[in-house]
Amino acid sequence: MSQDVYYNGEISVTPALTESDAKVVLAATNLEQTEETREFFAAIAASPEPDLPYHGGLLEISDDREFIFPEQDESRHGFRMWLRLLIEHYLAPRGYVLEGEVTWEGEDRDDSGTIFVKDNRVEAVDDLIFNAGPSWAPNHFADDHLKQAIRDLLDSADNTGCSPELTVVAATGLEAVRSRMPEF
């Protein structure tokens, strides 16, 4: 049984798809075995990851062929995989560059996130849902590895020989905290 998912967003294609390339993309993503899609499916079959998404028909192309959209309204999972396969085996070799973001929201509460595409790199990031607790007892979120790195940094603090305003910490502890902090 497949779970429904709702997508929102768009992926730009530069330059705009040619009419013939747009037809191949749509035929391939609708799982149509044609003379034009044979090369695409053969490249996937010969790749280290020869799997196809379970579902076809998950994307649309704008009339000006400058954007790829996920299927509108209720859809199924597989859009990210189609993007990755199209970029790797068809679009990038023909000189196309894709960029954009598409969010998804599934039926389950924890099934949501964003598909990011930049310079033909595709990455899906799940949304993090965190219950911070009530206002009288907040539970501020921090990754367990980050918490440990901060504890180690604080444990390394030493003010021996320093003025009251200064404290020295271990460089390894400082680097551990830096490596775990997200870049803003």
Protein backbone atom coordinates (compact mmCIF):
# COMPACT_ATOMS: atom_id res chain seq x y z
CA MET A 1 0.00 0.00 0.00
CA SER A 2 1.47 3.35 -0.99
CA GLN A 3 1.15 6.40 1.18
CA ASP A 4 -0.07 9.67 -0.23
CA VAL A 5 2.23 12.66 -0.29
CA TYR A 6 1.71 16.29 -1.26
CA TYR A 7 4.49 18.24 -2.95
CA ASN A 8 4.94 21.98 -3.33
CA GLY A 9 7.65 23.82 -5.25
CA GLU A 10 9.51 23.87 -8.53
CA ILE A 11 12.86 23.01 -10.03
CA SER A 12 14.30 25.36 -12.66
CA VAL A 13 15.99 23.94 -15.74
CA THR A 14 18.72 25.97 -17.46
CA PRO A 15 18.68 26.24 -20.39
CA ALA A 16 15.03 25.45 -21.02
CA LEU A 17 14.42 21.89 -22.15
CA THR A 18 14.16 21.37 -25.87
CA GLU A 19 10.81 20.07 -27.00
CA SER A 20 12.29 16.65 -27.80
CA ASP A 21 14.11 16.40 -24.44
CA ALA A 22 10.91 17.37 -22.60
CA LYS A 23 9.07 14.56 -24.40
CA VAL A 24 11.75 12.04 -23.41
CA VAL A 25 11.69 13.20 -19.77
CA LEU A 26 7.91 12.84 -19.58
CA ALA A 27 7.90 9.48 -21.35
CA ALA A 28 10.67 8.12 -19.12
CA THR A 29 9.06 9.31 -15.89
CA ASN A 30 5.80 7.72 -17.02
CA LEU A 31 7.78 4.46 -17.40
CA GLU A 32 7.15 4.34 -21.15
CA GLN A 33 9.62 2.08 -22.97
CA THR A 34 10.15 3.81 -26.31
CA GLU A 35 13.01 4.15 -28.78
CA GLU A 36 13.73 7.60 -27.29
CA THR A 37 13.81 6.36 -23.65
CA ARG A 38 15.79 3.17 -24.33
CA GLU A 39 19.18 4.86 -23.76
CA PHE A 40 17.99 6.42 -20.48
CA PHE A 41 16.67 3.13 -19.07
CA ALA A 42 19.80 1.27 -20.24
CA ALA A 43 22.04 3.79 -18.42
CA ILE A 44 20.07 3.29 -15.20
CA ALA A 45 20.18 -0.51 -15.55
CA ALA A 46 23.97 -0.39 -16.01
CA SER A 47 24.53 1.94 -13.04
CA PRO A 48 25.52 0.87 -9.51
CA GLU A 49 21.96 1.71 -8.39
CA PRO A 50 19.76 0.22 -11.13
CA ASP A 51 16.42 0.74 -9.36
CA LEU A 52 13.57 2.86 -10.67
CA PRO A 53 10.93 4.57 -8.54
CA TYR A 54 7.84 2.43 -8.01
CA HIS A 55 5.58 5.06 -9.55
CA GLY A 56 5.52 7.00 -12.79
CA GLY A 57 3.72 10.24 -13.56
CA LEU A 58 5.19 12.10 -10.59
CA LEU A 59 6.33 15.20 -12.44
CA GLU A 60 5.18 17.77 -14.94
CA ILE A 61 7.01 20.24 -17.15
CA SER A 62 6.00 23.89 -17.54
CA ASP A 63 4.75 25.07 -20.93
CA ASP A 64 7.94 27.08 -21.48
CA ARG A 65 9.98 23.97 -20.44
CA GLU A 66 11.95 26.05 -17.89
CA PHE A 67 10.58 24.26 -14.81
CA ILE A 68 9.92 20.76 -13.55
CA PHE A 69 7.06 20.51 -11.08
CA PRO A 70 5.97 17.64 -8.89
CA GLU A 71 2.61 16.08 -9.66
CA GLN A 72 -0.11 18.39 -8.37
CA ASP A 73 -2.52 17.46 -5.58
CA GLU A 74 -2.28 13.98 -4.09
CA SER A 75 0.81 12.11 -5.24
CA ARG A 76 3.18 9.31 -4.23
CA HIS A 77 6.79 9.11 -3.08
CA GLY A 78 9.49 8.97 -5.74
CA PHE A 79 9.93 12.55 -7.00
CA ARG A 80 13.44 12.87 -5.50
CA MET A 81 14.58 9.63 -7.06
CA TRP A 82 13.24 10.67 -10.48
CA LEU A 83 15.14 13.97 -10.22
CA ARG A 84 18.37 12.19 -9.32
CA LEU A 85 18.01 9.67 -12.16
CA LEU A 86 17.06 12.31 -14.73
CA ILE A 87 19.98 14.55 -13.77
CA GLU A 88 22.57 11.78 -13.65
CA HIS A 89 21.54 9.80 -16.72
CA TYR A 90 19.88 12.29 -19.05
CA LEU A 91 19.83 16.01 -18.23
CA ALA A 92 23.37 16.74 -16.95
CA PRO A 93 25.05 14.91 -19.84
CA ARG A 94 23.07 17.17 -22.19
CA GLY A 95 24.23 20.34 -20.44
CA TYR A 96 21.15 21.12 -18.33
CA VAL A 97 21.50 22.51 -14.81
CA LEU A 98 18.70 22.10 -12.28
CA GLU A 99 18.10 24.19 -9.16
CA GLY A 100 15.22 24.67 -6.75
CA GLU A 101 13.33 23.34 -3.76
CA VAL A 102 10.30 21.13 -3.38
CA THR A 103 8.70 20.40 -0.03
CA TRP A 104 6.73 17.26 0.71
CA GLU A 105 4.21 16.32 3.35
CA GLY A 106 3.07 12.74 3.75
CA GLU A 107 0.20 11.18 5.61
CA ASP A 108 2.31 10.43 8.67
CA ARG A 109 3.19 13.26 11.01
CA ASP A 110 6.92 12.63 10.68
CA ASP A 111 6.87 12.29 6.87
CA SER A 112 7.77 15.76 5.67
CA GLY A 113 10.80 17.62 4.42
CA THR A 114 12.40 19.42 1.52
CA ILE A 115 14.15 18.24 -1.62
CA PHE A 116 16.96 20.67 -2.39
CA VAL A 117 18.53 20.84 -5.86
CA LYS A 118 21.59 23.02 -6.51
CA ASP A 119 23.92 22.71 -9.50
CA ASN A 120 22.43 19.28 -10.25
CA ARG A 121 23.04 17.99 -6.71
CA VAL A 122 19.92 16.52 -5.12
CA GLU A 123 19.47 16.19 -1.39
CA ALA A 124 16.38 15.37 0.65
CA VAL A 125 16.23 16.69 4.21
CA ASP A 126 13.54 15.45 6.57
CA ASP A 127 11.82 18.04 8.73
CA LEU A 128 12.72 17.79 12.39
CA ILE A 129 9.68 17.85 14.63
CA PHE A 130 10.55 18.53 18.22
CA ASN A 131 8.21 18.99 21.12
CA ALA A 132 9.90 21.61 23.31
CA GLY A 133 7.63 20.88 26.25
CA PRO A 134 5.53 23.31 28.24
CA SER A 135 6.68 26.86 28.94
CA TRP A 136 7.31 26.10 32.62
CA ALA A 137 9.70 23.23 31.79
CA PRO A 138 11.16 23.81 28.33
CA ASN A 139 13.35 21.15 26.79
CA HIS A 140 15.56 23.03 24.37
CA PHE A 141 16.78 20.79 21.59
CA ALA A 142 20.41 20.10 20.93
CA ASP A 143 21.92 17.07 19.26
CA ASP A 144 23.45 14.58 21.76
CA HIS A 145 26.85 14.87 20.04
CA LEU A 146 26.74 18.65 20.32
CA LYS A 147 25.75 18.44 24.00
CA GLN A 148 28.73 16.16 24.68
CA ALA A 149 31.09 18.45 22.76
CA ILE A 150 29.91 21.43 24.84
CA ARG A 151 30.34 19.45 28.08
CA ASP A 152 33.88 18.48 27.03
CA LEU A 153 34.67 22.10 26.16
CA LEU A 154 33.40 23.32 29.53
CA ASP A 155 35.34 20.57 31.34
CA SER A 156 38.53 21.74 29.61
CA ALA A 157 38.14 25.32 30.90
CA ASP A 158 41.06 26.51 33.03
CA ASN A 159 41.75 30.01 34.31
CA THR A 160 45.05 29.23 36.04
CA GLY A 161 47.39 32.16 35.51
CA CYS A 162 44.71 34.18 33.71
CA SER A 163 43.08 37.43 34.69
CA PRO A 164 39.54 37.09 36.12
CA GLU A 165 38.04 37.94 32.72
CA LEU A 166 39.90 35.20 30.84
CA THR A 167 39.60 31.43 30.73
CA VAL A 168 41.48 29.03 28.50
CA VAL A 169 39.78 26.03 26.85
CA ALA A 170 41.26 23.11 24.96
CA ALA A 171 41.55 23.64 21.21
CA THR A 172 40.24 20.12 20.53
CA GLY A 173 37.10 20.85 22.53
CA LEU A 174 36.58 24.13 20.72
CA GLU A 175 37.05 22.44 17.33
CA ALA A 176 34.58 19.68 18.31
CA VAL A 177 31.91 22.29 19.06
CA ARG A 178 32.64 24.19 15.85
CA SER A 179 32.37 21.03 13.73
CA ARG A 180 28.95 20.21 15.17
CA MET A 181 27.41 23.67 14.89
CA PRO A 182 25.31 24.28 11.80
CA GLU A 183 26.42 27.10 9.56
CA PHE A 184 24.02 30.01 9.49
